[in-house]
Amino acid sequence: MTDTALTPPASAHLPRPADLEQYRRELTGYCYRMLGSSTEAEDVVQEVLLRAWQALPDFQGRSSLRTWLYRIATNRCIDHLRQRPRRALPMDLGPASTVHDRFGDPTPAHGWVEPMPDGRVVPDDADPATRAVVRETLRLALIAALQVLPPKQRAVLILREVLGWPALDVAELLDTSVPAVNSALQRARATLADRELDAGDLYTPSDDEQRRLLDRYLDAFERYDLDAFEELLHEDATQSMPPWDFWIQGRDQVRAWMEGPGAGCRGSKLRLVAANGMPAVAQWRADPEGGHSPWALHVLTIRDGEVAGIESFLETDRWFPLFDLPAEPA
C-alpha cells in the first residue's frame, strides 16, 4: 500500500480530536501484535493519531473513522517491519542453555519481543468476556509466533481472528480481494499450527486459585525459600533473560540458577503487575549499600496450576517507566 491510502474518506460530520483519542488503546493493541514492540507500537499510534488529526478537515466518511485509522496504522506498521529483522523470544533462537554456560553479549533491543502493560491495551469498560479475549491474544508466546508471519499475513490474521473483521472489510483495508484475504488467513493459520503454540493457561485476576499461586510465588521469592519456590514450578519450566539469548529449561535448572548465578536476587522486593494478559512481577534487588534498585520485570506463564515460564526482562530503565513503577519499592 502507498500513502494514497492515507487520504481520508470524507464525512458530513467532521470528527473531533477526541473522537480519535478513543481509539488509542485498541490501536495500541493492534500495533503491538503487529510489531511485537510496546515502544514501537506506542510511537506508531501517536504518529497515526497525529496524521489523522492533521487530515481531519478533509475527512469525508466514505468508510468509518475506525477503519480509516486502522488503514493508516497498518501502513505504518508494514513500513516499520520492512526496516528491521523480526522480533523473537530467546527460546525461538536455539536450544536451551545450562546454568554453567556463558551469557555472551546482549542482543540489541530491536531483536526482542517486548512486554506490554495490560493497562495500555486492555479496555477498562469492556465486559469480562471481551477483556478475556484481549488478554488471551496478547500472551507473549502468541506475540512471538505472530512475528514469523509476513506482514500482510500478520495483519490479516489479527484483523480476522483477533478483531473479528469481515473478510470484505479486511480486503478493502489492504487493497486486495476477499479470496486473497482468505488465502492469506489459511497460510497464517497453517504456519502457527506448525509451531504447536502453547501459551499457557488464560490469566484471570479474579481466579482465587491463580491468586494463591502468585501469592505463594511472591512469598517464596522474597524469603528466598528455594524449596518452596521449586514446588511452584512446572517440571519443564523455562526461564529467559532478554537482552541475552540465554535461556534454561527444567525445574532443577531454574533452582540451580537461583542458587548460583542468580543468588544476588536474595533479599529482593517484588510487586505483582499485569503484562500481556499474564501475571508479571516487578523485582527490586537489594543493594549492597542498602535499599533496593530495579532489577527485572518477570512475565509469568501458568500451566496446570504451576509456573511454566519466567521471561525476565532486565532492561528496567525501559520497562519500569512503561509500567509506571517507582525506582524504589513502596
Protein backbone atom coordinates (compact mmCIF):
# COMPACT_ATOMS: atom_id res chain seq x y z
CA MET A 1 0.00 0.00 0.00
CA THR A 2 1.08 3.55 -0.62
CA ASP A 3 0.40 6.70 1.29
CA THR A 4 -2.51 7.40 -1.03
CA ALA A 5 -4.32 5.11 1.40
CA LEU A 6 -3.86 7.85 3.98
CA THR A 7 -6.12 10.24 2.08
CA PRO A 8 -9.07 10.28 4.42
CA PRO A 9 -12.52 9.27 3.37
CA ALA A 10 -14.97 12.12 3.88
CA SER A 11 -17.96 12.82 6.12
CA ALA A 12 -20.77 15.27 6.56
CA HIS A 13 -19.95 15.32 10.27
CA LEU A 14 -16.37 16.32 10.92
CA PRO A 15 -14.86 14.20 13.73
CA ARG A 16 -13.21 15.94 16.64
CA PRO A 17 -9.75 15.13 18.02
CA ALA A 18 -11.47 13.46 21.00
CA ASP A 19 -13.11 11.08 18.55
CA LEU A 20 -9.64 9.93 17.53
CA GLU A 21 -8.33 9.56 21.07
CA GLN A 22 -10.99 7.00 21.99
CA TYR A 23 -9.25 4.53 19.64
CA ARG A 24 -5.77 4.87 21.18
CA ARG A 25 -5.94 1.76 23.37
CA GLU A 26 -7.27 -0.64 20.73
CA LEU A 27 -4.88 0.75 18.10
CA THR A 28 -2.00 0.24 20.52
CA GLY A 29 -3.04 -3.39 20.95
CA TYR A 30 -3.25 -3.87 17.19
CA CYS A 31 0.14 -2.26 16.50
CA TYR A 32 1.72 -4.21 19.35
CA ARG A 33 0.52 -7.51 17.90
CA MET A 34 1.87 -6.43 14.51
CA LEU A 35 5.25 -5.19 15.74
CA GLY A 36 5.98 -7.20 18.90
CA SER A 37 7.28 -3.99 20.48
CA SER A 38 5.50 -1.94 23.10
CA THR A 39 7.69 1.10 22.48
CA GLU A 40 7.29 0.98 18.69
CA ALA A 41 3.55 0.38 19.00
CA GLU A 42 3.04 3.48 21.13
CA ASP A 43 5.20 5.57 18.80
CA VAL A 44 3.28 4.37 15.74
CA VAL A 45 -0.11 5.03 17.34
CA GLN A 46 0.98 8.54 18.30
CA GLU A 47 2.04 9.12 14.71
CA VAL A 48 -1.25 7.67 13.39
CA LEU A 49 -3.38 9.92 15.59
CA LEU A 50 -1.29 12.98 14.69
CA ARG A 51 -1.55 12.29 10.96
CA ALA A 52 -5.29 11.68 11.28
CA TRP A 53 -5.78 14.87 13.31
CA GLN A 54 -3.94 16.88 10.68
CA ALA A 55 -6.12 15.37 7.95
CA LEU A 56 -9.47 15.75 9.74
CA PRO A 57 -10.55 18.86 7.77
CA ASP A 58 -10.60 16.72 4.62
CA PHE A 59 -12.38 13.73 6.19
CA GLN A 60 -15.42 12.75 4.09
CA GLY A 61 -16.56 9.46 5.62
CA ARG A 62 -16.51 7.00 2.71
CA SER A 63 -15.53 4.48 5.40
CA SER A 64 -15.81 4.64 9.17
CA LEU A 65 -13.37 6.66 11.24
CA ARG A 66 -12.20 3.43 12.88
CA THR A 67 -11.48 1.75 9.53
CA TRP A 68 -9.58 4.81 8.34
CA LEU A 69 -7.40 4.80 11.47
CA TYR A 70 -6.67 1.07 11.10
CA ARG A 71 -5.71 1.66 7.47
CA ILE A 72 -3.17 4.30 8.47
CA ALA A 73 -1.91 2.11 11.33
CA THR A 74 -1.47 -0.93 9.06
CA ASN A 75 0.53 1.11 6.54
CA ARG A 76 2.80 2.47 9.24
CA CYS A 77 3.34 -0.96 10.82
CA ILE A 78 4.23 -2.54 7.49
CA ASP A 79 6.69 0.29 6.83
CA HIS A 80 8.34 -0.37 10.21
CA LEU A 81 8.52 -4.12 9.60
CA ARG A 82 10.32 -3.61 6.29
CA GLN A 83 13.14 -1.78 8.07
CA ARG A 84 14.19 -4.32 10.72
CA PRO A 85 14.52 -8.05 11.40
CA ARG A 86 11.70 -9.90 13.13
CA ARG A 87 11.48 -9.92 16.89
CA ALA A 88 11.66 -13.14 18.90
CA LEU A 89 11.97 -14.66 22.36
CA PRO A 90 15.23 -16.42 23.33
CA MET A 91 13.52 -19.83 23.02
CA ASP A 92 12.94 -19.14 19.31
CA LEU A 93 16.65 -18.78 18.56
CA GLY A 94 18.25 -22.03 19.67
CA PRO A 95 18.38 -24.85 22.22
CA ALA A 96 18.32 -24.33 25.97
CA SER A 97 21.49 -23.38 27.81
CA THR A 98 22.56 -24.58 31.25
CA VAL A 99 23.45 -22.57 34.32
CA HIS A 100 27.13 -23.22 33.53
CA ASP A 101 27.03 -21.63 30.06
CA ARG A 102 28.42 -18.17 29.44
CA PHE A 103 25.98 -15.36 28.76
CA GLY A 104 27.91 -13.80 25.89
CA ASP A 105 26.99 -10.35 24.64
CA PRO A 106 23.47 -8.93 24.85
CA THR A 107 21.45 -8.78 21.66
CA PRO A 108 20.29 -5.30 20.57
CA ALA A 109 16.88 -4.29 21.92
CA HIS A 110 15.28 -4.29 18.45
CA GLY A 111 15.67 -8.08 18.36
CA TRP A 112 13.29 -8.99 21.19
CA VAL A 113 9.57 -9.25 21.68
CA GLU A 114 8.83 -6.69 24.39
CA PRO A 115 6.39 -6.76 27.32
CA MET A 116 3.24 -4.66 27.19
CA PRO A 117 1.33 -3.38 30.25
CA ASP A 118 -2.26 -4.57 30.29
CA GLY A 119 -3.34 -1.05 31.19
CA ARG A 120 -2.19 0.26 27.79
CA VAL A 121 -4.24 -2.22 25.74
CA VAL A 122 -6.96 -3.95 27.80
CA PRO A 123 -10.17 -1.86 27.79
CA ASP A 124 -11.45 -0.75 31.18
CA ASP A 125 -15.10 -0.54 30.15
CA ALA A 126 -15.40 -3.85 28.25
CA ASP A 127 -17.35 -6.83 29.54
CA PRO A 128 -15.39 -9.69 31.16
CA ALA A 129 -15.61 -11.89 28.06
CA THR A 130 -14.11 -9.17 25.84
CA ARG A 131 -11.35 -8.48 28.34
CA ALA A 132 -10.55 -12.20 28.45
CA VAL A 133 -10.24 -12.34 24.65
CA VAL A 134 -7.93 -9.31 24.62
CA ARG A 135 -5.71 -10.86 27.32
CA GLU A 136 -5.59 -14.20 25.53
CA THR A 137 -4.41 -12.62 22.27
CA LEU A 138 -1.64 -10.63 23.96
CA ARG A 139 0.26 -13.53 25.52
CA LEU A 140 3.98 -13.47 24.82
CA ALA A 141 4.14 -16.84 23.08
CA LEU A 142 1.43 -15.75 20.64
CA ILE A 143 3.04 -12.35 20.02
CA ALA A 144 6.35 -14.11 19.27
CA ALA A 145 4.59 -16.57 16.94
CA LEU A 146 2.93 -13.74 15.02
CA GLN A 147 6.35 -12.29 14.24
CA VAL A 148 7.22 -15.22 11.95
CA LEU A 149 4.37 -14.29 9.59
CA PRO A 150 4.90 -11.95 6.63
CA PRO A 151 3.47 -8.51 7.46
CA LYS A 152 0.30 -8.75 5.37
CA GLN A 153 -0.47 -12.27 6.61
CA ARG A 154 0.04 -10.96 10.11
CA ALA A 155 -2.39 -8.11 9.51
CA VAL A 156 -4.99 -10.46 8.01
CA LEU A 157 -4.76 -12.90 10.91
CA ILE A 158 -5.05 -10.17 13.55
CA LEU A 159 -7.90 -8.36 11.83
CA ARG A 160 -9.87 -11.52 11.07
CA GLU A 161 -9.13 -13.82 14.02
CA VAL A 162 -8.42 -11.38 16.85
CA LEU A 163 -10.55 -8.36 15.99
CA GLY A 164 -13.27 -10.24 14.13
CA TRP A 165 -13.37 -8.10 11.00
CA PRO A 166 -15.33 -9.46 7.99
CA ALA A 167 -13.17 -10.62 5.08
CA LEU A 168 -14.61 -7.90 2.83
CA ASP A 169 -13.60 -5.14 5.25
CA VAL A 170 -10.07 -6.56 5.53
CA ALA A 171 -9.81 -6.79 1.75
CA GLU A 172 -10.81 -3.15 1.39
CA LEU A 173 -8.37 -2.05 4.06
CA LEU A 174 -5.50 -3.94 2.41
CA ASP A 175 -6.48 -3.02 -1.17
CA THR A 176 -6.87 -6.67 -2.14
CA SER A 177 -9.58 -9.23 -2.82
CA VAL A 178 -11.61 -11.44 -0.50
CA PRO A 179 -10.07 -14.64 -1.98
CA ALA A 180 -6.60 -13.18 -1.34
CA VAL A 181 -7.56 -12.43 2.27
CA ASN A 182 -8.91 -15.95 2.78
CA SER A 183 -5.78 -17.46 1.25
CA ALA A 184 -3.52 -15.36 3.47
CA LEU A 185 -5.55 -16.37 6.52
CA GLN A 186 -5.22 -20.08 5.67
CA ARG A 187 -1.44 -19.76 5.25
CA ALA A 188 -1.10 -17.85 8.52
CA ARG A 189 -3.14 -20.45 10.40
CA ALA A 190 -1.01 -23.25 8.95
CA THR A 191 2.21 -21.53 9.99
CA LEU A 192 1.04 -21.06 13.57
CA ALA A 193 -0.26 -24.64 13.71
CA ASP A 194 3.19 -25.92 12.72
CA ARG A 195 4.67 -24.11 15.72
CA GLU A 196 2.48 -26.07 18.17
CA LEU A 197 1.90 -22.92 20.17
CA ASP A 198 1.40 -23.39 23.92
CA ALA A 199 0.75 -20.02 25.50
CA GLY A 200 -0.24 -21.45 28.90
CA ASP A 201 -3.44 -21.03 30.84
CA LEU A 202 -5.52 -17.90 30.49
CA TYR A 203 -4.73 -15.47 33.30
CA THR A 204 -7.82 -14.47 35.25
CA PRO A 205 -7.01 -11.94 38.01
CA SER A 206 -10.24 -12.82 39.84
CA ASP A 207 -9.37 -16.53 39.95
CA ASP A 208 -8.72 -17.42 43.61
CA GLU A 209 -6.54 -20.42 42.76
CA GLN A 210 -4.28 -18.39 40.49
CA ARG A 211 -4.08 -15.63 43.07
CA ARG A 212 -2.99 -18.10 45.76
CA LEU A 213 -0.31 -19.47 43.42
CA LEU A 214 1.00 -15.97 42.75
CA ASP A 215 0.93 -15.03 46.44
CA ARG A 216 2.98 -18.14 47.21
CA TYR A 217 5.38 -17.25 44.39
CA LEU A 218 5.95 -13.75 45.73
CA ASP A 219 6.36 -15.03 49.29
CA ALA A 220 8.82 -17.81 48.39
CA PHE A 221 10.90 -15.47 46.21
CA GLU A 222 11.10 -12.67 48.78
CA ARG A 223 12.04 -15.13 51.55
CA TYR A 224 14.32 -16.86 49.04
CA ASP A 225 12.93 -20.19 50.15
CA LEU A 226 14.07 -22.24 47.18
CA ASP A 227 12.34 -25.42 48.35
CA ALA A 228 9.01 -23.59 48.41
CA PHE A 229 9.82 -21.81 45.16
CA GLU A 230 10.71 -25.03 43.34
CA GLU A 231 7.39 -26.58 44.37
CA LEU A 232 5.58 -23.91 42.36
CA LEU A 233 7.42 -24.63 39.12
CA HIS A 234 6.31 -26.90 36.31
CA GLU A 235 8.81 -29.70 35.69
CA ASP A 236 9.56 -28.24 32.24
CA ALA A 237 9.61 -24.61 33.42
CA THR A 238 11.67 -22.23 31.32
CA GLN A 239 13.44 -19.01 32.18
CA SER A 240 14.84 -16.45 29.76
CA MET A 241 16.57 -13.13 30.29
CA PRO A 242 16.38 -10.66 27.39
CA PRO A 243 18.50 -8.86 26.19
CA TRP A 244 20.58 -12.08 26.34
CA ASP A 245 19.67 -15.08 24.18
CA PHE A 246 20.42 -17.30 27.19
CA TRP A 247 17.53 -19.49 28.40
CA ILE A 248 17.21 -22.56 30.59
CA GLN A 249 14.63 -25.31 30.91
CA GLY A 250 13.63 -27.57 33.77
CA ARG A 251 12.64 -27.04 37.38
CA ASP A 252 16.10 -28.17 38.51
CA GLN A 253 17.86 -25.71 36.18
CA VAL A 254 15.79 -22.76 37.38
CA ARG A 255 16.57 -23.65 41.00
CA ALA A 256 20.27 -24.13 40.19
CA TRP A 257 20.27 -20.69 38.59
CA MET A 258 18.79 -19.09 41.69
CA GLU A 259 21.27 -20.92 43.94
CA GLY A 260 24.25 -19.96 41.78
CA PRO A 261 24.44 -17.07 39.28
CA GLY A 262 21.13 -15.62 40.44
CA ALA A 263 21.90 -15.70 44.17
CA GLY A 264 22.24 -11.92 44.16
CA CYS A 265 18.44 -11.82 44.00
CA ARG A 266 18.26 -12.85 47.65
CA GLY A 267 16.57 -10.10 49.64
CA SER A 268 14.61 -8.72 46.67
CA LYS A 269 11.28 -6.92 46.92
CA LEU A 270 8.51 -7.83 44.49
CA ARG A 271 5.23 -6.40 43.25
CA LEU A 272 2.57 -8.12 41.16
CA VAL A 273 1.59 -6.30 37.95
CA ALA A 274 0.00 -7.42 34.66
CA ALA A 275 1.64 -7.69 31.25
CA ASN A 276 0.50 -9.30 28.01
CA GLY A 277 -2.65 -10.62 29.64
CA MET A 278 -0.39 -12.56 32.01
CA PRO A 279 0.74 -12.11 35.61
CA ALA A 280 4.02 -10.24 35.89
CA VAL A 281 6.34 -9.44 38.76
CA ALA A 282 8.41 -6.31 39.19
CA GLN A 283 11.64 -7.00 41.06
CA TRP A 284 13.83 -4.61 43.01
CA ARG A 285 17.11 -6.25 44.03
CA ALA A 286 18.85 -5.46 47.29
CA ASP A 287 21.78 -3.04 47.02
CA PRO A 288 24.98 -3.85 48.94
CA GLU A 289 24.94 -0.27 50.29
CA GLY A 290 21.33 -0.59 51.42
CA GLY A 291 17.94 -0.13 49.83
CA HIS A 292 16.73 -1.68 46.59
CA SER A 293 17.07 -0.92 42.87
CA PRO A 294 15.03 -2.02 39.84
CA TRP A 295 16.33 -5.31 38.51
CA ALA A 296 13.81 -7.13 36.30
CA LEU A 297 10.28 -7.44 35.07
CA HIS A 298 9.28 -11.12 35.09
CA VAL A 299 6.34 -12.14 32.89
CA LEU A 300 4.96 -15.47 34.08
CA THR A 301 3.27 -18.27 32.17
CA ILE A 302 0.97 -20.51 34.21
CA ARG A 303 0.15 -24.03 33.09
CA ASP A 304 -1.84 -26.63 35.01
CA GLY A 305 -1.69 -24.55 38.17
CA GLU A 306 2.12 -24.20 38.10
CA VAL A 307 4.58 -21.58 36.88
CA ALA A 308 5.76 -22.85 33.49
CA GLY A 309 7.64 -19.84 32.16
CA ILE A 310 9.56 -16.87 33.55
CA GLU A 311 10.54 -14.26 30.96
CA SER A 312 12.85 -11.92 32.86
CA PHE A 313 13.20 -8.60 31.05
CA LEU A 314 16.26 -6.95 32.55
CA GLU A 315 16.34 -3.51 30.89
CA THR A 316 14.45 -1.88 33.72
CA ASP A 317 15.34 1.63 32.58
CA ARG A 318 12.85 0.91 29.78
CA TRP A 319 10.27 -1.32 31.47
CA PHE A 320 9.76 0.30 34.88
CA PRO A 321 8.71 3.68 33.41
CA LEU A 322 6.47 1.91 30.88
CA PHE A 323 4.69 0.12 33.75
CA ASP A 324 4.64 3.28 35.92
CA LEU A 325 6.81 1.55 38.51
CA PRO A 326 8.86 3.59 41.00
CA ALA A 327 12.64 3.49 41.33
CA GLU A 328 12.30 2.07 44.85
CA PRO A 329 9.70 -0.35 46.22
CA ALA A 330 6.98 1.11 48.41
